[in-house]
Amino acid sequence: MSANTSAELYTPAMLEATDTALTAYEEEVRSLGEASDERILAAVERVVEQLNIIDAEHGAFCTIEREELCEYVDQVLTEQDIDVSGLLARQDMEELTERWRDW
């Protein structure tokens, strides 16, 4: 039995779905402005749930990609001057994606 190749794991459909989910997240975060924790977490929840669906359909997110996706979620917020550490502390969370992430 051979291991899956990158081409088998990262199909065009999987890559397109991931790009679409991340682009929508970026756009939503940019539009938040001075948002409440609830609105910020709602944006995080939406992208994580979309990524859950993508992973369930394509089974493609391995450990490295999972870590990179979590870092990316934080990075997008940080780039919009959202204090991720403060948000985590206020919400008693260790990482932003933990409440919703299946992958």
C-alpha atoms as a PDB file:
ATOM      1  CA  MET A   1       0.000   0.000   0.000  1.00  0.00           C
ATOM      2  CA  SER A   2       1.568   3.287  -1.039  1.00  0.00           C
ATOM      3  CA  ALA A   3       1.374   6.585   0.792  1.00  0.00           C
ATOM      4  CA  ASN A   4      -0.758   9.355  -0.673  1.00  0.00           C
ATOM      5  CA  THR A   5       1.145  11.816  -2.783  1.00  0.00           C
ATOM      6  CA  SER A   6       0.748  15.585  -2.449  1.00  0.00           C
ATOM      7  CA  ALA A   7      -1.251  15.624  -5.678  1.00  0.00           C
ATOM      8  CA  GLU A   8      -3.699  13.115  -4.213  1.00  0.00           C
ATOM      9  CA  LEU A   9      -4.048  15.008  -0.922  1.00  0.00           C
ATOM     10  CA  TYR A  10      -4.173  18.523  -2.325  1.00  0.00           C
ATOM     11  CA  THR A  11      -6.716  18.277  -5.082  1.00  0.00           C
ATOM     12  CA  PRO A  12      -7.724  21.406  -6.963  1.00  0.00           C
ATOM     13  CA  ALA A  13     -11.144  21.242  -5.296  1.00  0.00           C
ATOM     14  CA  MET A  14      -9.594  21.064  -1.827  1.00  0.00           C
ATOM     15  CA  LEU A  15      -7.205  23.938  -2.547  1.00  0.00           C
ATOM     16  CA  GLU A  16      -9.960  26.094  -4.025  1.00  0.00           C
ATOM     17  CA  ALA A  17     -12.289  25.442  -1.085  1.00  0.00           C
ATOM     18  CA  THR A  18      -9.524  26.283   1.395  1.00  0.00           C
ATOM     19  CA  ASP A  19      -8.596  29.479  -0.458  1.00  0.00           C
ATOM     20  CA  THR A  20     -12.245  30.523  -0.574  1.00  0.00           C
ATOM     21  CA  ALA A  21     -12.724  29.942   3.162  1.00  0.00           C
ATOM     22  CA  LEU A  22      -9.552  31.818   4.112  1.00  0.00           C
ATOM     23  CA  THR A  23     -10.286  34.731   1.768  1.00  0.00           C
ATOM     24  CA  ALA A  24     -13.782  35.112   3.215  1.00  0.00           C
ATOM     25  CA  TYR A  25     -12.288  35.087   6.729  1.00  0.00           C
ATOM     26  CA  GLU A  26      -9.726  37.759   5.804  1.00  0.00           C
ATOM     27  CA  GLU A  27     -12.445  39.973   4.327  1.00  0.00           C
ATOM     28  CA  GLU A  28     -14.701  39.522   7.340  1.00  0.00           C
ATOM     29  CA  VAL A  29     -11.925  40.343   9.795  1.00  0.00           C
ATOM     30  CA  ARG A  30     -10.942  43.448   7.809  1.00  0.00           C
ATOM     31  CA  SER A  31     -14.537  44.672   8.074  1.00  0.00           C
ATOM     32  CA  LEU A  32     -14.777  44.157  11.862  1.00  0.00           C
ATOM     33  CA  GLY A  33     -13.110  47.380  12.985  1.00  0.00           C
ATOM     34  CA  GLU A  34     -13.432  47.821  16.751  1.00  0.00           C
ATOM     35  CA  ALA A  35     -15.449  44.636  17.172  1.00  0.00           C
ATOM     36  CA  SER A  36     -16.553  42.894  20.322  1.00  0.00           C
ATOM     37  CA  ASP A  37     -15.010  39.592  21.351  1.00  0.00           C
ATOM     38  CA  GLU A  38     -18.249  37.911  20.304  1.00  0.00           C
ATOM     39  CA  ARG A  39     -18.041  39.239  16.735  1.00  0.00           C
ATOM     40  CA  ILE A  40     -14.370  38.293  16.463  1.00  0.00           C
ATOM     41  CA  LEU A  41     -15.036  34.791  17.767  1.00  0.00           C
ATOM     42  CA  ALA A  42     -17.989  34.442  15.383  1.00  0.00           C
ATOM     43  CA  ALA A  43     -15.639  35.111  12.458  1.00  0.00           C
ATOM     44  CA  VAL A  44     -13.170  32.554  13.809  1.00  0.00           C
ATOM     45  CA  GLU A  45     -15.966  30.036  14.314  1.00  0.00           C
ATOM     46  CA  ARG A  46     -17.186  30.471  10.730  1.00  0.00           C
ATOM     47  CA  VAL A  47     -13.781  29.854   9.158  1.00  0.00           C
ATOM     48  CA  VAL A  48     -13.010  26.921  11.452  1.00  0.00           C
ATOM     49  CA  GLU A  49     -16.339  25.276  10.675  1.00  0.00           C
ATOM     50  CA  GLN A  50     -15.731  25.773   6.949  1.00  0.00           C
ATOM     51  CA  LEU A  51     -12.294  24.191   7.350  1.00  0.00           C
ATOM     52  CA  ASN A  52     -13.908  21.315   9.293  1.00  0.00           C
ATOM     53  CA  ILE A  53     -16.140  20.637   6.300  1.00  0.00           C
ATOM     54  CA  ILE A  54     -13.214  20.816   3.882  1.00  0.00           C
ATOM     55  CA  ASP A  55     -11.182  18.428   6.009  1.00  0.00           C
ATOM     56  CA  ALA A  56     -14.105  16.018   6.352  1.00  0.00           C
ATOM     57  CA  GLU A  57     -14.702  16.028   2.609  1.00  0.00           C
ATOM     58  CA  HIS A  58     -11.062  15.833   1.549  1.00  0.00           C
ATOM     59  CA  GLY A  59      -9.244  14.463   4.631  1.00  0.00           C
ATOM     60  CA  ALA A  60      -6.283  16.593   3.729  1.00  0.00           C
ATOM     61  CA  PHE A  61      -5.136  18.616   6.733  1.00  0.00           C
ATOM     62  CA  CYS A  62      -2.157  16.910   8.313  1.00  0.00           C
ATOM     63  CA  THR A  63      -0.466  18.052  11.513  1.00  0.00           C
ATOM     64  CA  ILE A  64       1.716  20.709   9.912  1.00  0.00           C
ATOM     65  CA  GLU A  65      -1.186  22.205   7.957  1.00  0.00           C
ATOM     66  CA  ARG A  66      -3.362  22.186  11.076  1.00  0.00           C
ATOM     67  CA  GLU A  67      -0.758  24.142  13.009  1.00  0.00           C
ATOM     68  CA  GLU A  68      -0.261  26.553  10.115  1.00  0.00           C
ATOM     69  CA  LEU A  69      -4.011  27.127   9.796  1.00  0.00           C
ATOM     70  CA  CYS A  70      -4.283  27.906  13.518  1.00  0.00           C
ATOM     71  CA  GLU A  71      -1.378  30.344  13.243  1.00  0.00           C
ATOM     72  CA  TYR A  72      -2.982  31.917  10.187  1.00  0.00           C
ATOM     73  CA  VAL A  73      -6.272  32.503  12.004  1.00  0.00           C
ATOM     74  CA  ASP A  74      -4.339  34.370  14.716  1.00  0.00           C
ATOM     75  CA  GLN A  75      -2.170  36.242  12.210  1.00  0.00           C
ATOM     76  CA  VAL A  76      -5.134  37.644  10.293  1.00  0.00           C
ATOM     77  CA  LEU A  77      -6.490  39.088  13.539  1.00  0.00           C
ATOM     78  CA  THR A  78      -3.109  40.444  14.599  1.00  0.00           C
ATOM     79  CA  GLU A  79      -2.709  42.207  11.242  1.00  0.00           C
ATOM     80  CA  GLN A  80      -5.940  44.071  12.015  1.00  0.00           C
ATOM     81  CA  ASP A  81      -4.578  45.178  15.427  1.00  0.00           C
ATOM     82  CA  ILE A  82      -6.718  42.722  17.363  1.00  0.00           C
ATOM     83  CA  ASP A  83      -4.992  41.681  20.589  1.00  0.00           C
ATOM     84  CA  VAL A  84      -5.162  37.898  20.290  1.00  0.00           C
ATOM     85  CA  SER A  85      -3.468  37.290  23.660  1.00  0.00           C
ATOM     86  CA  GLY A  86      -5.964  39.573  25.377  1.00  0.00           C
ATOM     87  CA  LEU A  87      -8.867  37.906  23.595  1.00  0.00           C
ATOM     88  CA  LEU A  88      -7.640  34.477  24.662  1.00  0.00           C
ATOM     89  CA  ALA A  89      -7.256  35.613  28.273  1.00  0.00           C
ATOM     90  CA  ARG A  90     -10.721  37.207  28.386  1.00  0.00           C
ATOM     91  CA  GLN A  91     -12.298  34.082  26.907  1.00  0.00           C
ATOM     92  CA  ASP A  92     -10.259  31.634  29.034  1.00  0.00           C
ATOM     93  CA  MET A  93      -8.944  29.935  25.896  1.00  0.00           C
ATOM     94  CA  GLU A  94      -5.537  28.528  25.021  1.00  0.00           C
ATOM     95  CA  GLU A  95      -6.002  28.897  21.266  1.00  0.00           C
ATOM     96  CA  LEU A  96      -8.675  30.523  19.153  1.00  0.00           C
ATOM     97  CA  THR A  97      -9.751  27.524  17.144  1.00  0.00           C
ATOM     98  CA  GLU A  98     -10.117  25.088  20.059  1.00  0.00           C
ATOM     99  CA  ARG A  99     -13.875  25.427  20.571  1.00  0.00           C
ATOM    100  CA  TRP A 100     -14.813  24.459  17.027  1.00  0.00           C
ATOM    101  CA  ARG A 101     -11.899  22.648  15.415  1.00  0.00           C
ATOM    102  CA  ASP A 102     -12.356  19.012  14.363  1.00  0.00           C
ATOM    103  CA  TRP A 103      -9.206  18.793  12.228  1.00  0.00           C
END
